[in-house]
């Protein structure tokens, strides 16, 4: 996690995958999401950013909102104050 307590998108994505039981590999999760074979690995490492269609697939797989997927709780709280 980042030094300021705010997690990055790659960190949140990896944490989501690893929090599932049973934990599935990146490859299996990518296929279940409908992503290309190496897409999730690239997203978790931060070497590539997903587009909107990929974000929707990921959020649907984890049954979470795009807000929860894309922003950590601190960022969501600050958005509400704008």
N, C-alpha and C. Protein backbone atom coordinates (compact mmCIF):
# COMPACT_ATOMS: atom_id res chain seq x y z
N UNK A 1 0.85 -1.17 0.00
CA UNK A 1 0.00 0.00 0.00
C UNK A 1 0.89 1.23 0.00
N UNK A 2 0.38 2.35 -0.55
CA UNK A 2 1.15 3.58 -0.61
C UNK A 2 1.48 4.09 0.78
N UNK A 3 2.54 4.89 0.88
CA UNK A 3 3.00 5.38 2.16
C UNK A 3 2.01 6.30 2.85
N UNK A 4 1.10 6.93 2.10
CA UNK A 4 0.14 7.85 2.69
C UNK A 4 -1.17 7.16 3.07
N UNK A 5 -1.22 5.84 2.99
CA UNK A 5 -2.42 5.11 3.37
C UNK A 5 -3.42 4.97 2.24
N UNK A 6 -3.13 5.58 1.09
CA UNK A 6 -4.02 5.48 -0.06
C UNK A 6 -3.49 4.39 -0.96
N UNK A 7 -4.33 3.42 -1.28
CA UNK A 7 -3.88 2.33 -2.13
C UNK A 7 -4.07 2.71 -3.60
N UNK A 8 -3.19 2.18 -4.41
CA UNK A 8 -3.27 2.42 -5.85
C UNK A 8 -4.24 1.42 -6.47
N UNK A 9 -4.66 1.70 -7.70
CA UNK A 9 -5.55 0.77 -8.38
C UNK A 9 -4.94 -0.63 -8.48
N UNK A 10 -3.67 -0.77 -8.92
CA UNK A 10 -3.09 -2.12 -8.97
C UNK A 10 -3.13 -2.84 -7.62
N UNK A 11 -2.86 -2.13 -6.54
CA UNK A 11 -2.90 -2.75 -5.21
C UNK A 11 -4.31 -3.19 -4.85
N UNK A 12 -5.30 -2.33 -5.12
CA UNK A 12 -6.70 -2.70 -4.82
C UNK A 12 -7.12 -3.91 -5.62
N UNK A 13 -6.73 -3.94 -6.89
CA UNK A 13 -7.11 -5.05 -7.76
C UNK A 13 -6.51 -6.37 -7.27
N UNK A 14 -5.24 -6.34 -6.93
CA UNK A 14 -4.60 -7.56 -6.42
C UNK A 14 -5.23 -7.99 -5.10
N UNK A 15 -5.51 -7.03 -4.23
CA UNK A 15 -6.12 -7.34 -2.93
C UNK A 15 -7.51 -7.97 -3.13
N UNK A 16 -8.27 -7.48 -4.09
CA UNK A 16 -9.59 -8.06 -4.38
C UNK A 16 -9.45 -9.53 -4.78
N UNK A 17 -8.53 -9.80 -5.71
CA UNK A 17 -8.35 -11.18 -6.18
C UNK A 17 -7.90 -12.09 -5.05
N UNK A 18 -6.96 -11.62 -4.25
CA UNK A 18 -6.40 -12.45 -3.18
C UNK A 18 -7.35 -12.61 -2.00
N UNK A 19 -8.35 -11.75 -1.89
CA UNK A 19 -9.30 -11.85 -0.78
C UNK A 19 -10.39 -12.88 -1.04
N UNK A 20 -10.52 -13.32 -2.28
CA UNK A 20 -11.53 -14.33 -2.59
C UNK A 20 -11.08 -15.70 -2.11
N UNK A 21 -12.03 -16.48 -1.70
CA UNK A 21 -11.75 -17.86 -1.28
C UNK A 21 -12.57 -18.81 -2.11
N UNK A 22 -11.97 -19.78 -2.73
CA UNK A 22 -10.53 -19.98 -2.80
C UNK A 22 -9.89 -18.93 -3.70
N UNK A 23 -8.61 -18.62 -3.41
CA UNK A 23 -7.87 -17.66 -4.23
C UNK A 23 -7.64 -18.30 -5.60
N UNK A 24 -7.92 -17.54 -6.65
CA UNK A 24 -7.68 -18.04 -8.00
C UNK A 24 -6.49 -17.31 -8.60
N UNK A 25 -5.83 -17.97 -9.52
CA UNK A 25 -4.67 -17.35 -10.17
C UNK A 25 -5.11 -16.19 -11.04
N UNK A 26 -4.16 -15.34 -11.38
CA UNK A 26 -4.47 -14.22 -12.28
C UNK A 26 -5.02 -14.74 -13.60
N UNK A 27 -4.41 -15.81 -14.10
CA UNK A 27 -4.83 -16.37 -15.38
C UNK A 27 -6.28 -16.83 -15.33
N UNK A 28 -6.63 -17.58 -14.30
CA UNK A 28 -8.01 -18.08 -14.16
C UNK A 28 -8.97 -16.91 -13.98
N UNK A 29 -8.62 -15.95 -13.12
CA UNK A 29 -9.49 -14.79 -12.90
C UNK A 29 -9.68 -14.02 -14.19
N UNK A 30 -8.61 -13.82 -14.97
CA UNK A 30 -8.73 -13.12 -16.26
C UNK A 30 -9.73 -13.81 -17.16
N UNK A 31 -9.63 -15.13 -17.25
CA UNK A 31 -10.55 -15.87 -18.11
C UNK A 31 -11.98 -15.79 -17.61
N UNK A 32 -12.18 -15.89 -16.30
CA UNK A 32 -13.53 -15.80 -15.74
C UNK A 32 -14.13 -14.42 -15.94
N UNK A 33 -13.28 -13.39 -15.98
CA UNK A 33 -13.76 -12.02 -16.20
C UNK A 33 -14.05 -11.75 -17.67
N UNK A 34 -13.47 -12.57 -18.54
CA UNK A 34 -13.61 -12.32 -19.97
C UNK A 34 -12.52 -11.42 -20.51
N UNK A 35 -11.39 -11.36 -19.80
CA UNK A 35 -10.25 -10.56 -20.23
C UNK A 35 -9.24 -11.44 -20.95
N UNK A 36 -8.31 -10.81 -21.66
CA UNK A 36 -7.26 -11.57 -22.31
C UNK A 36 -6.37 -12.24 -21.26
N UNK A 37 -5.62 -13.22 -21.70
CA UNK A 37 -4.85 -14.07 -20.80
C UNK A 37 -3.95 -13.31 -19.82
N UNK A 38 -3.26 -12.29 -20.29
CA UNK A 38 -2.31 -11.57 -19.43
C UNK A 38 -2.82 -10.23 -18.93
N UNK A 39 -4.05 -9.88 -19.23
CA UNK A 39 -4.57 -8.55 -18.90
C UNK A 39 -4.51 -8.27 -17.40
N UNK A 40 -5.00 -9.18 -16.59
CA UNK A 40 -5.05 -8.94 -15.15
C UNK A 40 -3.66 -8.78 -14.56
N UNK A 41 -2.71 -9.55 -15.06
CA UNK A 41 -1.32 -9.42 -14.59
C UNK A 41 -0.81 -8.01 -14.87
N UNK A 42 -1.07 -7.51 -16.06
CA UNK A 42 -0.62 -6.16 -16.42
C UNK A 42 -1.31 -5.09 -15.56
N UNK A 43 -2.59 -5.28 -15.29
CA UNK A 43 -3.32 -4.31 -14.46
C UNK A 43 -2.82 -4.34 -13.02
N UNK A 44 -2.58 -5.54 -12.48
CA UNK A 44 -2.10 -5.66 -11.10
C UNK A 44 -0.69 -5.13 -10.95
N UNK A 45 0.12 -5.22 -11.96
CA UNK A 45 1.50 -4.71 -11.90
C UNK A 45 1.57 -3.22 -12.23
N UNK A 46 0.50 -2.68 -12.76
CA UNK A 46 0.48 -1.26 -13.09
C UNK A 46 1.17 -0.93 -14.40
N UNK A 47 1.43 -1.93 -15.24
CA UNK A 47 2.07 -1.67 -16.52
C UNK A 47 1.07 -1.30 -17.60
N UNK A 48 -0.20 -1.47 -17.31
CA UNK A 48 -1.26 -1.10 -18.25
C UNK A 48 -2.49 -0.73 -17.44
N UNK A 49 -3.27 0.22 -17.96
CA UNK A 49 -4.51 0.61 -17.30
C UNK A 49 -5.69 0.09 -18.12
N UNK A 50 -6.69 -0.46 -17.44
CA UNK A 50 -7.85 -0.97 -18.16
C UNK A 50 -8.72 0.17 -18.68
N UNK A 51 -9.38 -0.08 -19.79
CA UNK A 51 -10.36 0.86 -20.32
C UNK A 51 -11.70 0.65 -19.61
N UNK A 52 -12.68 1.44 -19.98
CA UNK A 52 -13.98 1.37 -19.33
C UNK A 52 -14.62 -0.01 -19.48
N UNK A 53 -14.54 -0.60 -20.67
CA UNK A 53 -15.17 -1.92 -20.85
C UNK A 53 -14.51 -2.97 -19.96
N UNK A 54 -13.19 -2.89 -19.79
CA UNK A 54 -12.49 -3.85 -18.91
C UNK A 54 -12.84 -3.58 -17.45
N UNK A 55 -12.92 -2.30 -17.08
CA UNK A 55 -13.31 -1.97 -15.71
C UNK A 55 -14.69 -2.52 -15.38
N UNK A 56 -15.60 -2.45 -16.33
CA UNK A 56 -16.94 -3.00 -16.11
C UNK A 56 -16.90 -4.51 -15.91
N UNK A 57 -16.09 -5.21 -16.71
CA UNK A 57 -15.95 -6.66 -16.55
C UNK A 57 -15.40 -7.01 -15.17
N UNK A 58 -14.39 -6.27 -14.73
CA UNK A 58 -13.76 -6.53 -13.43
C UNK A 58 -14.75 -6.26 -12.31
N UNK A 59 -15.42 -5.11 -12.36
CA UNK A 59 -16.39 -4.75 -11.31
C UNK A 59 -17.52 -5.77 -11.25
N UNK A 60 -17.99 -6.22 -12.41
CA UNK A 60 -19.06 -7.22 -12.46
C UNK A 60 -18.59 -8.54 -11.84
N UNK A 61 -17.38 -8.95 -12.15
CA UNK A 61 -16.84 -10.20 -11.61
C UNK A 61 -16.79 -10.16 -10.08
N UNK A 62 -16.35 -9.03 -9.53
CA UNK A 62 -16.24 -8.91 -8.07
C UNK A 62 -17.53 -8.41 -7.42
N UNK A 63 -18.55 -8.12 -8.25
CA UNK A 63 -19.84 -7.65 -7.76
C UNK A 63 -19.69 -6.38 -6.91
N UNK A 64 -18.93 -5.44 -7.45
CA UNK A 64 -18.73 -4.15 -6.78
C UNK A 64 -18.98 -3.03 -7.78
N UNK A 65 -19.16 -1.82 -7.27
CA UNK A 65 -19.37 -0.66 -8.14
C UNK A 65 -18.04 -0.22 -8.76
N UNK A 66 -18.14 0.53 -9.84
CA UNK A 66 -16.93 1.09 -10.44
C UNK A 66 -16.24 2.05 -9.47
N UNK A 67 -17.02 2.80 -8.68
CA UNK A 67 -16.43 3.69 -7.68
C UNK A 67 -15.56 2.91 -6.70
N UNK A 68 -16.09 1.82 -6.19
CA UNK A 68 -15.33 1.03 -5.21
C UNK A 68 -14.09 0.41 -5.86
N UNK A 69 -14.19 0.04 -7.12
CA UNK A 69 -13.06 -0.54 -7.83
C UNK A 69 -11.98 0.50 -8.10
N UNK A 70 -12.37 1.68 -8.51
CA UNK A 70 -11.42 2.69 -8.99
C UNK A 70 -10.86 3.61 -7.91
N UNK A 71 -11.57 3.80 -6.82
CA UNK A 71 -11.12 4.72 -5.78
C UNK A 71 -11.16 4.03 -4.43
N UNK A 72 -10.16 4.31 -3.59
CA UNK A 72 -10.21 3.75 -2.24
C UNK A 72 -11.18 4.59 -1.40
N UNK A 73 -11.45 4.15 -0.20
CA UNK A 73 -12.47 4.81 0.63
C UNK A 73 -12.16 6.27 0.90
N UNK A 74 -10.90 6.61 1.14
CA UNK A 74 -10.52 7.99 1.37
C UNK A 74 -10.80 8.87 0.16
N UNK A 75 -10.51 8.35 -1.01
CA UNK A 75 -10.78 9.09 -2.24
C UNK A 75 -12.28 9.23 -2.47
N UNK A 76 -13.05 8.20 -2.14
CA UNK A 76 -14.51 8.26 -2.30
C UNK A 76 -15.08 9.32 -1.36
N UNK A 77 -14.59 9.38 -0.12
CA UNK A 77 -15.06 10.38 0.84
C UNK A 77 -14.76 11.80 0.37
N UNK A 78 -13.57 12.02 -0.19
CA UNK A 78 -13.22 13.35 -0.65
C UNK A 78 -14.03 13.75 -1.87
N UNK A 79 -14.44 12.78 -2.70
CA UNK A 79 -15.30 13.08 -3.85
C UNK A 79 -16.65 13.60 -3.40
N UNK A 80 -17.16 13.09 -2.29
CA UNK A 80 -18.47 13.49 -1.78
C UNK A 80 -18.46 14.93 -1.29
N UNK A 81 -17.28 15.43 -0.89
CA UNK A 81 -17.18 16.78 -0.35
C UNK A 81 -16.98 17.83 -1.43
N UNK A 82 -16.94 17.43 -2.68
CA UNK A 82 -16.73 18.40 -3.77
C UNK A 82 -18.03 19.04 -4.17
